[in-house]
Amino acid sequence: MPKPAAPPRASRLPFQRLWNAFLTARVMVAVTLLLLQLLGLALNQVSEPLLLGASLAYLLATGLLRVLGGHMPPDPRPGVHWLPTLGVDILLISVLQVLQQAGGMNFTPLFGLPILMAGVLGTLTLALGTTAGITLLLLTWAWWLGWQSGTDTAQRYLQAAITGTGYFIVAYLTHLLAAKVSSEQQTARRSQMDARTQRAVSALVMQHVADGVLVLDRQSQVRLANPAALLLLGREAGSPAPLALAHTTAWKPLMELAQDTFHTGQSRHADVTILHQGQSPMALRIRTCLTQTQGVLDEEPLCVMFLHDLREMEARLRTEKLASMGRMSAAVAHEIRNPLAAIVQANELLAEDLTDPGHQRLALMVRQNADRLVRITEDVLDIARVQHLIGYAPSSTLALDATVAQIWSDWQAHDPARRQGQLVLNAGTTQVEFDTEHLRRVLINLLDNALRYMRPGPDSLCLTTRAPAGGAASLQVWSDGAPLDKSVERHLFEPFFSSESRSSGLGLYICRELCQRHGAAIAYQRSTLSLARGEVAGNAFNVTFRSITRPADNASLFDTIVV
């Protein structure tokens, strides 16, 4: 039969409680022996006074070890470190057995305590060695009694041999049982570690996965929801669980789909629309499936629901289309440049021979529009090639306040009755690095967006420029429109993404591309503005420029408010 290996010391930690129990049991045995000796002394039945002293010594030894050794089981390998436990027990029990001359009390069964301790907490060698030593003591004791009495000792030898054999069997089986328990403890501990690791990884994945994940029971209670799912459901991240889908009318389609999944037992796919009060409709693609519960008693299956925002899926498709369109646009623009260059050159040659003023004006118009086409072609190529990823492109400089004031005036001139608002110019004579026509495109795009969503009123729109000391110059387009949904805010500057079906979703994307092209940055935030009617919250788009120069005197002819 193979010899069981001793468990490593780290695996002995589960035996800490058993080790303490052994120490306590030794103290209790010592107390019992002392009480019996005292009772015998009181009844005048003690024939050997040394028994009382040996019992008291055993109590002191076991009590001292209980106080000093109750922290960690000793090394299971044989060694002198077992003498305070196994050695003391064997020695004092042997002394008690020798001192007990009359046949009133037999201390032999007490040898089972060190044998059990060695079998459970030590190696097989220690357990068998302890048992062998005790068996030799029993045989020696049988010989001693026979030598003293002068009678036949065969009966005593046989009894000692049978007792020793029983002790060997007990030691071996006890050690096998301890090894089995230790192995099971290690397996359980590894399983717990694996379970904790899996829970930690699952929680991490749930927290960072882009799609929403819901776990529901048959009562439509949400047992688990990741932040993306809470966002799609219109709840704040960290909302207490469980959530009840039946308590919110907007979640009724989800509840019906979950109940249908439980009823049929099959995975389901559906596109639903969630109508949150005061917010735009949320189109979702939902896939459900049931957890597997084979072999698990009294455990109901759970419905796992995966939520996909259709607008994100459509945005990805638009992005792929944009990439294809970008490649095509680059090819078309490249092909346009060659004949356009020929047109410009031919027009210049023709203009040299023209003397009629009317013809010269026509040639000038051709040149101006050809130059405009050249600029447009270059812009298309710049965006198609995504040059801003390599670095910003050098551009001309402009006076921020003067340029913004001119663009604002031109924008208002198209519809003065409707395009009302405030213009606040605080940048002084600060020069920024930006192309004038590109800034016009960015600013008009932002103003048109603000006009579309703001409330009627002369102070519902505000265009502000700033140039703080030691900071970068910026402009802000603010309007008192309703706050954006979190799902919309995350994709504001993505191409072809829009909360309106009639919008192309390219306006803010082009603004971002042009800003990055000139080393500027554009961002959205929910901001509060102090107006005559009080503190008003609104949507603000901020463009931060690369400042070139800003004179020490920030006074400006445009440091006024124009309504």
Protein backbone atom coordinates (compact mmCIF):
# COMPACT_ATOMS: atom_id res chain seq x y z
CA MET A 1 0.00 0.00 0.00
CA PRO A 2 1.52 3.38 -0.97
CA LYS A 3 2.58 5.67 1.81
CA PRO A 4 0.42 8.82 2.02
CA ALA A 5 2.43 11.98 1.76
CA ALA A 6 2.24 14.56 4.50
CA PRO A 7 0.27 17.67 3.62
CA PRO A 8 2.35 20.84 3.25
CA ARG A 9 2.44 23.26 6.14
CA ALA A 10 0.17 25.75 4.35
CA SER A 11 -2.48 23.05 4.15
CA ARG A 12 -2.27 22.50 7.93
CA LEU A 13 -4.04 25.77 8.56
CA PRO A 14 -7.52 24.12 8.45
CA PHE A 15 -6.32 21.92 11.40
CA GLN A 16 -5.80 24.94 13.63
CA ARG A 17 -9.13 24.37 15.36
CA LEU A 18 -8.42 20.64 15.74
CA TRP A 19 -5.00 21.40 17.23
CA ASN A 20 -6.60 23.68 19.80
CA ALA A 21 -9.15 20.96 20.55
CA PHE A 22 -6.33 18.46 21.24
CA LEU A 23 -4.63 20.88 23.60
CA THR A 24 -7.88 21.53 25.42
CA ALA A 25 -8.65 17.81 25.64
CA ARG A 26 -5.23 17.15 27.26
CA VAL A 27 -5.94 19.82 29.87
CA MET A 28 -9.37 18.32 30.57
CA VAL A 29 -7.88 14.82 30.93
CA ALA A 30 -5.23 16.16 33.32
CA VAL A 31 -7.91 17.97 35.39
CA THR A 32 -10.01 14.78 35.51
CA LEU A 33 -7.04 12.69 36.67
CA LEU A 34 -6.20 15.22 39.38
CA LEU A 35 -9.79 15.34 40.61
CA LEU A 36 -9.95 11.55 40.77
CA GLN A 37 -6.75 11.46 42.77
CA LEU A 38 -8.02 14.14 45.16
CA LEU A 39 -11.30 12.27 45.55
CA GLY A 40 -9.41 9.06 46.31
CA LEU A 41 -7.26 10.94 48.82
CA ALA A 42 -10.37 12.28 50.52
CA LEU A 43 -11.81 8.77 50.75
CA ASN A 44 -8.47 7.31 51.92
CA GLN A 45 -8.23 5.10 48.82
CA VAL A 46 -4.90 6.35 47.42
CA SER A 47 -2.17 3.78 47.95
CA GLU A 48 0.63 5.74 46.21
CA PRO A 49 0.95 9.48 46.99
CA LEU A 50 3.19 9.97 43.90
CA LEU A 51 0.10 9.54 41.72
CA LEU A 52 -1.18 12.85 42.96
CA GLY A 53 2.13 14.54 42.15
CA ALA A 54 2.26 12.97 38.66
CA SER A 55 -1.33 14.08 37.95
CA LEU A 56 -0.51 17.61 39.11
CA ALA A 57 2.65 17.66 36.93
CA TYR A 58 0.62 16.49 33.94
CA LEU A 59 -1.90 19.29 34.52
CA LEU A 60 0.86 21.91 34.74
CA ALA A 61 2.57 20.64 31.57
CA THR A 62 -0.64 20.49 29.51
CA GLY A 63 -1.84 23.87 30.81
CA LEU A 64 1.47 25.55 29.97
CA LEU A 65 1.44 24.14 26.41
CA ARG A 66 -2.19 25.18 26.00
CA VAL A 67 -1.25 28.77 26.80
CA LEU A 68 1.98 28.90 24.78
CA GLY A 69 1.27 26.56 21.85
CA GLY A 70 -2.23 27.47 20.75
CA HIS A 71 -1.22 29.50 17.68
CA MET A 72 -0.18 27.03 14.99
CA PRO A 73 0.11 23.23 14.73
CA PRO A 74 3.75 22.03 14.82
CA ASP A 75 5.65 20.83 11.79
CA PRO A 76 4.14 17.43 10.87
CA ARG A 77 7.54 15.81 10.33
CA PRO A 78 9.14 13.83 13.19
CA GLY A 79 11.44 15.82 15.47
CA VAL A 80 12.12 17.11 18.95
CA HIS A 81 9.40 19.75 18.56
CA TRP A 82 6.85 16.99 19.34
CA LEU A 83 8.34 16.28 22.78
CA PRO A 84 6.19 18.92 24.62
CA THR A 85 3.06 17.18 23.34
CA LEU A 86 3.58 13.52 22.45
CA GLY A 87 6.63 13.05 24.69
CA VAL A 88 4.99 14.58 27.77
CA ASP A 89 1.80 12.55 27.27
CA ILE A 90 3.61 9.22 26.84
CA LEU A 91 5.98 9.91 29.73
CA LEU A 92 3.38 10.97 32.30
CA ILE A 93 0.85 8.31 31.28
CA SER A 94 3.62 5.71 31.63
CA VAL A 95 4.50 7.11 35.08
CA LEU A 96 0.86 6.94 36.12
CA GLN A 97 0.64 3.35 34.87
CA VAL A 98 3.81 2.35 36.78
CA LEU A 99 2.73 4.05 39.98
CA GLN A 100 -0.70 2.39 39.85
CA GLN A 101 0.28 -0.84 41.59
CA ALA A 102 -3.17 -1.88 42.70
CA GLY A 103 -5.61 -2.86 40.02
CA GLY A 104 -8.02 -0.04 40.71
CA MET A 105 -7.38 2.11 37.65
CA ASN A 106 -5.98 1.39 34.17
CA PHE A 107 -4.34 4.32 32.32
CA THR A 108 -3.63 2.42 29.11
CA PRO A 109 -6.58 3.95 27.13
CA LEU A 110 -5.01 7.39 27.61
CA PHE A 111 -2.29 6.38 25.14
CA GLY A 112 -4.92 6.86 22.43
CA LEU A 113 -4.66 10.65 22.82
CA PRO A 114 -1.04 11.03 21.57
CA ILE A 115 -1.67 8.41 18.89
CA LEU A 116 -4.65 10.36 17.55
CA MET A 117 -2.69 13.61 17.70
CA ALA A 118 0.24 12.11 15.78
CA GLY A 119 -2.06 10.49 13.20
CA VAL A 120 -4.04 13.66 12.51
CA LEU A 121 -1.40 16.39 12.78
CA GLY A 122 1.80 14.51 11.85
CA THR A 123 3.16 12.37 9.09
CA LEU A 124 2.53 8.65 8.78
CA THR A 125 6.07 8.00 10.03
CA LEU A 126 5.40 10.03 13.16
CA ALA A 127 2.08 8.28 13.75
CA LEU A 128 3.50 4.77 13.32
CA GLY A 129 6.63 5.64 15.30
CA THR A 130 4.55 6.94 18.21
CA THR A 131 2.37 3.83 18.09
CA ALA A 132 5.43 1.57 18.01
CA GLY A 133 6.91 3.31 21.04
CA ILE A 134 3.67 2.95 22.99
CA THR A 135 3.41 -0.74 22.00
CA LEU A 136 6.94 -1.35 23.26
CA LEU A 137 6.02 0.34 26.54
CA LEU A 138 2.96 -1.92 26.86
CA LEU A 139 5.08 -5.04 26.20
CA THR A 140 7.69 -3.82 28.68
CA TRP A 141 4.97 -3.21 31.23
CA ALA A 142 3.65 -6.76 30.67
CA TRP A 143 7.16 -8.17 31.19
CA TRP A 144 7.65 -6.07 34.32
CA LEU A 145 4.43 -7.28 35.89
CA GLY A 146 5.28 -10.91 35.09
CA TRP A 147 8.80 -10.56 36.49
CA GLN A 148 7.49 -9.04 39.70
CA SER A 149 4.79 -11.66 40.22
CA GLY A 150 6.84 -14.60 38.95
CA THR A 151 3.84 -15.92 37.03
CA ASP A 152 3.26 -16.75 33.35
CA THR A 153 3.11 -13.50 31.33
CA ALA A 154 1.72 -14.95 28.07
CA GLN A 155 -1.73 -13.52 28.76
CA ARG A 156 -0.32 -10.07 29.43
CA TYR A 157 1.89 -10.23 26.32
CA LEU A 158 -1.12 -11.20 24.21
CA GLN A 159 -3.21 -8.38 25.64
CA ALA A 160 -0.39 -5.85 25.01
CA ALA A 161 0.07 -7.14 21.44
CA ILE A 162 -3.66 -6.90 20.69
CA THR A 163 -3.78 -3.38 22.14
CA GLY A 164 -0.73 -2.33 20.12
CA THR A 165 -2.20 -3.81 16.95
CA GLY A 166 -5.40 -1.86 17.54
CA TYR A 167 -3.36 1.28 18.08
CA PHE A 168 -1.50 0.71 14.78
CA ILE A 169 -4.79 0.33 12.92
CA VAL A 170 -6.21 3.44 14.56
CA ALA A 171 -3.06 5.46 13.78
CA TYR A 172 -3.03 4.41 10.12
CA LEU A 173 -6.74 4.99 9.53
CA THR A 174 -6.63 8.28 11.38
CA HIS A 175 -3.76 9.49 9.24
CA LEU A 176 -5.55 8.44 6.03
CA LEU A 177 -8.66 10.28 7.17
CA ALA A 178 -6.62 13.38 8.04
CA ALA A 179 -4.88 13.28 4.65
CA LYS A 180 -8.26 12.97 2.94
CA VAL A 181 -9.66 15.89 4.92
CA SER A 182 -6.56 17.97 4.13
CA SER A 183 -6.91 17.17 0.43
CA GLU A 184 -10.58 18.12 0.49
CA GLN A 185 -9.71 21.33 2.30
CA GLN A 186 -7.15 22.22 -0.38
CA THR A 187 -9.64 21.43 -3.15
CA ALA A 188 -12.32 23.52 -1.44
CA ARG A 189 -9.87 26.38 -0.96
CA ARG A 190 -8.82 26.25 -4.61
CA SER A 191 -12.46 26.17 -5.63
CA GLN A 192 -13.15 29.20 -3.47
CA MET A 193 -10.20 31.03 -4.99
CA ASP A 194 -11.37 30.12 -8.49
CA ALA A 195 -14.89 31.26 -7.64
CA ARG A 196 -13.62 34.56 -6.24
CA THR A 197 -11.43 35.06 -9.30
CA GLN A 198 -14.31 34.28 -11.62
CA ARG A 199 -16.60 36.66 -9.73
CA ALA A 200 -13.97 39.40 -9.85
CA VAL A 201 -13.36 38.91 -13.58
CA SER A 202 -17.11 38.72 -14.28
CA ALA A 203 -17.70 41.91 -12.28
CA LEU A 204 -14.88 43.64 -14.16
CA VAL A 205 -16.25 42.54 -17.53
CA MET A 206 -19.76 43.56 -16.51
CA GLN A 207 -18.52 47.00 -15.48
CA HIS A 208 -16.65 47.71 -18.72
CA VAL A 209 -18.63 45.90 -21.41
CA ALA A 210 -20.25 48.35 -23.81
CA ASP A 211 -23.52 46.43 -24.15
CA GLY A 212 -26.11 46.35 -21.38
CA VAL A 213 -26.53 43.11 -19.41
CA LEU A 214 -29.54 42.34 -17.19
CA VAL A 215 -30.18 39.22 -15.11
CA LEU A 216 -33.86 38.70 -14.25
CA ASP A 217 -35.92 36.11 -12.36
CA ARG A 218 -39.44 34.91 -13.08
CA GLN A 219 -40.93 37.82 -11.13
CA SER A 220 -39.19 40.28 -13.50
CA GLN A 221 -36.87 41.38 -10.72
CA VAL A 222 -33.48 42.59 -11.97
CA ARG A 223 -30.93 40.65 -9.91
CA LEU A 224 -27.90 42.10 -11.66
CA ALA A 225 -27.37 45.03 -14.03
CA ASN A 226 -24.15 46.54 -15.36
CA PRO A 227 -23.67 50.33 -15.73
CA ALA A 228 -24.38 50.23 -19.47
CA ALA A 229 -27.75 48.55 -18.85
CA LEU A 230 -28.66 51.06 -16.13
CA LEU A 231 -27.82 53.87 -18.51
CA LEU A 232 -30.05 52.39 -21.21
CA LEU A 233 -32.83 51.96 -18.66
CA GLY A 234 -32.58 55.59 -17.64
CA ARG A 235 -31.16 54.83 -14.19
CA GLU A 236 -28.05 56.21 -12.58
CA ALA A 237 -25.02 53.94 -12.21
CA GLY A 238 -24.95 52.34 -8.78
CA SER A 239 -28.74 52.19 -8.41
CA PRO A 240 -29.78 49.68 -5.75
CA ALA A 241 -30.78 46.20 -6.88
CA PRO A 242 -33.04 44.44 -7.42
CA LEU A 243 -35.09 46.57 -9.78
CA ALA A 244 -38.68 45.68 -10.62
CA LEU A 245 -39.48 46.05 -14.33
CA ALA A 246 -43.20 45.95 -13.58
CA HIS A 247 -43.02 49.23 -11.65
CA THR A 248 -42.06 51.30 -14.70
CA THR A 249 -44.28 51.54 -17.77
CA ALA A 250 -41.32 52.23 -20.08
CA TRP A 251 -39.79 48.84 -19.18
CA LYS A 252 -42.91 46.82 -20.03
CA PRO A 253 -41.49 45.54 -23.39
CA LEU A 254 -38.47 44.13 -21.55
CA MET A 255 -40.68 42.40 -18.98
CA GLU A 256 -42.87 40.85 -21.68
CA LEU A 257 -39.83 39.56 -23.56
CA ALA A 258 -38.39 38.03 -20.37
CA GLN A 259 -41.69 36.32 -19.52
CA ASP A 260 -41.91 34.96 -23.06
CA THR A 261 -38.38 33.55 -22.69
CA PHE A 262 -39.31 31.81 -19.41
CA HIS A 263 -42.51 30.42 -20.96
CA THR A 264 -40.96 29.01 -24.12
CA GLY A 265 -37.54 28.16 -22.68
CA GLN A 266 -35.93 29.41 -25.90
CA SER A 267 -33.66 32.38 -26.63
CA ARG A 268 -35.44 35.38 -28.06
CA HIS A 269 -34.41 38.30 -30.28
CA ALA A 270 -36.41 41.50 -30.65
CA ASP A 271 -36.12 45.22 -31.37
CA VAL A 272 -38.00 47.35 -28.85
CA THR A 273 -38.38 51.06 -28.17
CA ILE A 274 -38.10 52.40 -24.61
CA LEU A 275 -40.04 55.60 -23.96
CA HIS A 276 -38.56 57.42 -20.96
CA GLN A 277 -40.54 60.38 -19.73
CA GLY A 278 -39.01 63.65 -20.85
CA GLN A 279 -36.39 61.93 -23.02
CA SER A 280 -36.12 60.88 -26.63
CA PRO A 281 -37.15 57.30 -27.50
CA MET A 282 -34.47 54.65 -27.04
CA ALA A 283 -34.31 51.97 -29.74
CA LEU A 284 -32.80 48.73 -28.44
CA ARG A 285 -32.00 45.34 -29.90
CA ILE A 286 -32.49 42.70 -27.21
CA ARG A 287 -31.30 39.10 -27.02
CA THR A 288 -32.33 36.82 -24.16
CA CYS A 289 -31.25 33.39 -22.96
CA LEU A 290 -31.81 31.21 -19.88
CA THR A 291 -29.15 30.01 -17.47
CA GLN A 292 -28.50 26.26 -17.32
CA THR A 293 -29.67 24.51 -14.10
CA GLN A 294 -29.21 20.82 -14.93
CA GLY A 295 -28.58 18.78 -11.80
CA VAL A 296 -29.27 21.70 -9.44
CA LEU A 297 -32.24 21.14 -7.14
CA ASP A 298 -34.62 23.91 -6.07
CA GLU A 299 -32.93 26.49 -8.28
CA GLU A 300 -34.94 28.42 -10.83
CA PRO A 301 -33.34 29.47 -14.11
CA LEU A 302 -32.54 33.13 -14.65
CA CYS A 303 -33.04 35.15 -17.79
CA VAL A 304 -29.92 36.93 -19.07
CA MET A 305 -30.83 39.86 -21.30
CA PHE A 306 -28.31 41.61 -23.58
CA LEU A 307 -29.22 45.17 -24.61
CA HIS A 308 -27.71 46.77 -27.70
CA ASP A 309 -28.29 50.42 -28.54
CA LEU A 310 -29.41 50.47 -32.15
CA ARG A 311 -28.08 53.99 -32.56
CA GLU A 312 -24.60 52.78 -31.70
CA MET A 313 -24.92 49.92 -34.13
CA GLU A 314 -26.11 52.32 -36.82
CA ALA A 315 -23.26 54.68 -35.95
CA ARG A 316 -20.75 51.87 -36.50
CA LEU A 317 -22.33 51.15 -39.86
CA ARG A 318 -22.17 54.84 -40.71
CA THR A 319 -18.53 54.92 -39.70
CA GLU A 320 -17.79 52.04 -42.06
CA LYS A 321 -19.69 53.84 -44.81
CA LEU A 322 -17.77 57.00 -44.02
CA ALA A 323 -14.49 55.16 -44.41
CA SER A 324 -15.60 53.92 -47.81
CA MET A 325 -16.85 57.37 -48.76
CA GLY A 326 -13.57 58.87 -47.56
CA ARG A 327 -11.56 56.63 -49.83
CA MET A 328 -13.88 57.41 -52.72
CA SER A 329 -13.83 61.16 -51.95
CA ALA A 330 -10.04 61.15 -51.87
CA ALA A 331 -9.93 59.46 -55.26
CA VAL A 332 -12.52 61.87 -56.74
CA ALA A 333 -10.81 64.94 -55.27
CA HIS A 334 -7.48 63.76 -56.60
CA GLU A 335 -8.96 63.37 -60.07
CA ILE A 336 -10.63 66.81 -59.85
CA ARG A 337 -7.39 68.59 -59.04
CA ASN A 338 -5.78 67.82 -62.39
CA PRO A 339 -8.49 69.32 -64.67
CA LEU A 340 -9.03 72.13 -62.13
CA ALA A 341 -5.37 73.08 -62.36
CA ALA A 342 -5.72 73.14 -66.15
CA ILE A 343 -8.78 75.40 -65.87
CA VAL A 344 -6.94 77.83 -63.58
CA GLN A 345 -3.91 77.94 -65.87
CA ALA A 346 -6.05 78.40 -69.00
CA ASN A 347 -8.01 81.21 -67.33
CA GLU A 348 -4.79 83.01 -66.37
CA LEU A 349 -3.52 82.79 -69.93
CA LEU A 350 -6.86 83.98 -71.28
CA ALA A 351 -7.00 86.90 -68.85
CA GLU A 352 -3.70 88.23 -70.22
CA ASP A 353 -5.27 88.82 -73.63
CA LEU A 354 -8.58 90.28 -72.42
CA THR A 355 -9.05 94.03 -72.66
CA ASP A 356 -12.82 94.35 -72.32
CA PRO A 357 -13.79 95.14 -68.67
CA GLY A 358 -16.76 92.78 -68.80
CA HIS A 359 -14.61 89.92 -69.97
CA GLN A 360 -12.04 90.69 -67.27
CA ARG A 361 -14.75 90.52 -64.60
CA LEU A 362 -15.83 87.17 -65.95
CA ALA A 363 -12.24 85.90 -65.85
CA LEU A 364 -11.95 87.15 -62.25
CA MET A 365 -15.10 85.23 -61.31
CA VAL A 366 -13.71 82.09 -62.88
CA ARG A 367 -10.45 82.49 -60.95
CA GLN A 368 -12.21 83.14 -57.62
CA ASN A 369 -14.51 80.15 -57.94
CA ALA A 370 -11.67 77.96 -59.14
CA ASP A 371 -9.68 78.95 -56.07
CA ARG A 372 -12.69 78.09 -53.93
CA LEU A 373 -12.91 74.67 -55.57
CA VAL A 374 -9.21 74.14 -54.90
CA ARG A 375 -9.72 74.90 -51.19
CA ILE A 376 -12.73 72.59 -51.00
CA THR A 377 -10.78 69.81 -52.72
CA GLU A 378 -7.91 70.20 -50.29
CA ASP A 379 -10.32 70.08 -47.33
CA VAL A 380 -11.89 66.87 -48.62
CA LEU A 381 -8.47 65.32 -49.05
CA ASP A 382 -7.39 66.45 -45.59
CA ILE A 383 -10.42 64.88 -43.89
CA ALA A 384 -10.31 61.76 -46.05
CA ARG A 385 -6.65 61.15 -45.24
CA VAL A 386 -7.22 61.94 -41.54
CA GLN A 387 -4.18 64.18 -41.44
CA HIS A 388 -5.07 65.43 -37.97
CA LEU A 389 -4.00 62.08 -36.54
CA ILE A 390 -0.43 62.82 -37.59
CA GLY A 391 -0.44 66.39 -36.29
CA TYR A 392 -2.18 69.68 -36.69
CA ALA A 393 -1.71 71.53 -39.97
CA PRO A 394 -0.13 74.99 -39.93
CA SER A 395 -2.68 77.68 -40.66
CA SER A 396 -3.07 81.43 -40.70
CA THR A 397 -3.69 83.56 -37.63
CA LEU A 398 -6.69 85.75 -36.96
CA ALA A 399 -7.94 88.23 -34.39
CA LEU A 400 -10.47 86.22 -32.42
CA ASP A 401 -12.89 88.98 -31.38
CA ALA A 402 -12.95 90.71 -34.75
CA THR A 403 -13.50 87.46 -36.66
CA VAL A 404 -16.19 86.19 -34.30
CA ALA A 405 -18.01 89.53 -34.45
CA GLN A 406 -18.00 89.44 -38.26
CA ILE A 407 -19.25 85.84 -38.40
CA TRP A 408 -21.98 86.64 -35.84
CA SER A 409 -23.10 89.64 -37.88
CA ASP A 410 -23.22 87.63 -41.10
CA TRP A 411 -25.14 84.81 -39.39
CA GLN A 412 -27.75 87.18 -37.94
CA ALA A 413 -28.20 89.00 -41.24
CA HIS A 414 -29.85 85.95 -42.86
CA ASP A 415 -32.80 85.94 -40.41
CA PRO A 416 -32.64 88.87 -37.94
CA ALA A 417 -36.10 88.22 -36.49
CA ARG A 418 -35.31 84.68 -35.43
CA ARG A 419 -31.54 84.70 -34.92
CA GLN A 420 -31.36 86.69 -31.69
CA GLY A 421 -28.93 86.33 -28.85
CA GLN A 422 -26.07 87.86 -26.93
CA LEU A 423 -22.50 88.38 -28.10
CA VAL A 424 -19.88 88.82 -25.38
CA LEU A 425 -16.32 89.56 -26.60
CA ASN A 426 -13.62 89.36 -23.91
CA ALA A 427 -10.57 88.19 -25.89
CA GLY A 428 -9.22 91.66 -26.69
CA THR A 429 -6.70 91.62 -29.50
CA THR A 430 -5.72 87.99 -28.93
CA GLN A 431 -4.52 86.25 -32.06
CA VAL A 432 -5.30 82.55 -32.53
CA GLU A 433 -4.12 80.03 -35.08
CA PHE A 434 -7.10 79.11 -37.23
CA ASP A 435 -8.29 79.50 -40.79
CA THR A 436 -11.01 82.15 -41.10
CA GLU A 437 -13.27 80.13 -43.40
CA HIS A 438 -12.89 77.03 -41.23
CA LEU A 439 -13.77 79.01 -38.11
CA ARG A 440 -16.81 80.34 -39.94
CA ARG A 441 -17.93 76.79 -40.73
CA VAL A 442 -17.41 75.67 -37.14
CA LEU A 443 -19.14 78.65 -35.58
CA ILE A 444 -22.13 78.70 -37.93
CA ASN A 445 -22.63 74.98 -37.40
CA LEU A 446 -22.67 75.45 -33.61
CA LEU A 447 -24.98 78.46 -33.85
CA ASP A 448 -27.41 76.58 -36.10
CA ASN A 449 -27.50 73.68 -33.63
CA ALA A 450 -28.12 76.04 -30.72
CA LEU A 451 -30.89 77.81 -32.64
CA ARG A 452 -32.58 74.48 -33.34
CA TYR A 453 -32.83 73.43 -29.67
CA MET A 454 -33.02 76.69 -27.68
CA ARG A 455 -36.15 78.22 -26.22
CA PRO A 456 -37.65 81.41 -27.72
CA GLY A 457 -36.15 84.51 -26.16
CA PRO A 458 -33.46 87.14 -26.73
CA ASP A 459 -31.23 85.69 -23.99
CA SER A 460 -31.61 82.00 -24.89
CA LEU A 461 -28.43 82.06 -27.00
CA CYS A 462 -25.07 83.48 -26.00
CA LEU A 463 -21.76 83.55 -27.90
CA THR A 464 -18.75 84.37 -25.70
CA THR A 465 -15.02 84.71 -26.29
CA ARG A 466 -12.45 84.53 -23.50
CA ALA A 467 -8.68 84.96 -23.16
CA PRO A 468 -7.73 84.37 -19.51
CA ALA A 469 -4.29 85.40 -18.28
CA GLY A 470 -1.92 82.47 -18.59
CA GLY A 471 -4.54 80.35 -20.38
CA ALA A 472 -5.63 79.52 -23.91
CA ALA A 473 -8.19 81.61 -25.76
CA SER A 474 -11.61 80.05 -26.28
CA LEU A 475 -15.12 80.69 -27.47
CA GLN A 476 -18.38 79.26 -26.17
CA VAL A 477 -21.76 78.80 -27.80
CA TRP A 478 -24.39 78.46 -25.05
CA SER A 479 -28.14 77.86 -25.34
CA ASP A 480 -30.83 77.06 -22.78
CA GLY A 481 -31.93 73.84 -24.46
CA ALA A 482 -32.89 70.63 -22.64
CA PRO A 483 -30.03 68.43 -21.37
CA LEU A 484 -28.76 65.71 -23.68
CA ASP A 485 -29.25 62.04 -22.94
CA LYS A 486 -26.11 60.35 -21.66
CA SER A 487 -26.23 57.90 -24.56
CA VAL A 488 -26.37 60.81 -27.03
CA GLU A 489 -23.64 62.77 -25.27
CA ARG A 490 -21.18 59.89 -25.61
CA HIS A 491 -21.44 59.98 -29.43
CA LEU A 492 -21.91 63.69 -30.14
CA PHE A 493 -18.86 64.04 -32.34
CA GLU A 494 -19.12 60.73 -34.17
CA PRO A 495 -19.95 60.84 -37.89
CA PHE A 496 -23.53 60.13 -38.95
CA PHE A 497 -24.73 60.06 -35.33
CA SER A 498 -27.75 62.23 -34.60
CA SER A 499 -30.74 62.16 -32.26
CA GLU A 500 -32.93 63.36 -35.14
CA SER A 501 -33.90 61.20 -38.07
CA ARG A 502 -33.65 64.08 -40.59
CA SER A 503 -30.14 65.12 -39.58
CA SER A 504 -27.08 63.74 -41.34
CA GLY A 505 -25.04 63.69 -38.14
CA LEU A 506 -21.99 65.23 -39.83
CA GLY A 507 -22.11 68.78 -38.42
CA LEU A 508 -20.34 68.24 -35.11
CA TYR A 509 -18.03 65.69 -36.69
CA ILE A 510 -16.83 68.27 -39.23
CA CYS A 511 -16.42 70.80 -36.40
CA ARG A 512 -14.20 68.40 -34.51
CA GLU A 513 -12.17 67.54 -37.61
CA LEU A 514 -11.57 71.20 -38.43
CA CYS A 515 -10.66 72.05 -34.84
CA GLN A 516 -8.19 69.20 -34.59
CA ARG A 517 -6.75 70.14 -37.95
CA HIS A 518 -5.76 73.55 -36.50
CA GLY A 519 -4.64 72.30 -33.10
CA ALA A 520 -7.83 73.38 -31.33
CA ALA A 521 -10.21 71.32 -29.22
CA ILE A 522 -14.00 71.23 -29.01
CA ALA A 523 -16.02 69.83 -26.11
CA TYR A 524 -19.55 69.76 -24.74
CA GLN A 525 -20.66 70.41 -21.18
CA ARG A 526 -23.80 71.24 -19.24
CA SER A 527 -23.23 74.81 -17.98
CA THR A 528 -25.12 77.42 -15.93
CA LEU A 529 -25.22 81.07 -17.03
CA SER A 530 -26.24 84.13 -15.02
CA LEU A 531 -28.94 86.03 -16.92
CA ALA A 532 -31.42 88.75 -16.06
CA ARG A 533 -33.98 86.03 -15.32
CA GLY A 534 -31.60 84.27 -12.92
CA GLU A 535 -29.31 81.25 -13.08
CA VAL A 536 -30.19 79.26 -16.20
CA ALA A 537 -28.76 75.83 -17.10
CA GLY A 538 -28.02 75.08 -20.71
CA ASN A 539 -25.85 73.28 -23.25
CA ALA A 540 -22.43 74.76 -23.96
CA PHE A 541 -19.95 73.93 -26.73
CA ASN A 542 -16.44 75.21 -26.02
CA VAL A 543 -13.70 75.65 -28.61
CA THR A 544 -10.20 76.10 -27.16
CA PHE A 545 -7.58 77.57 -29.52
CA ARG A 546 -3.83 77.58 -29.81
CA SER A 547 -3.02 81.13 -28.69
CA ILE A 548 -0.38 83.03 -30.67
CA THR A 549 -0.20 86.47 -29.09
CA ARG A 550 -2.17 88.39 -26.53
CA PRO A 551 -0.97 91.94 -25.73
CA ALA A 552 -0.69 93.00 -22.10
CA ASP A 553 -3.46 95.52 -22.65
CA ASN A 554 -6.56 93.40 -23.20
CA ALA A 555 -8.75 96.36 -24.01
CA SER A 556 -10.58 95.89 -27.28
CA LEU A 557 -12.97 97.75 -29.50
CA PHE A 558 -15.09 94.60 -29.40
CA ASP A 559 -15.24 94.37 -25.57
CA THR A 560 -18.99 94.96 -25.67
CA ILE A 561 -22.24 93.05 -25.63
CA VAL A 562 -24.17 93.04 -28.88
CA VAL A 563 -27.80 91.82 -28.90
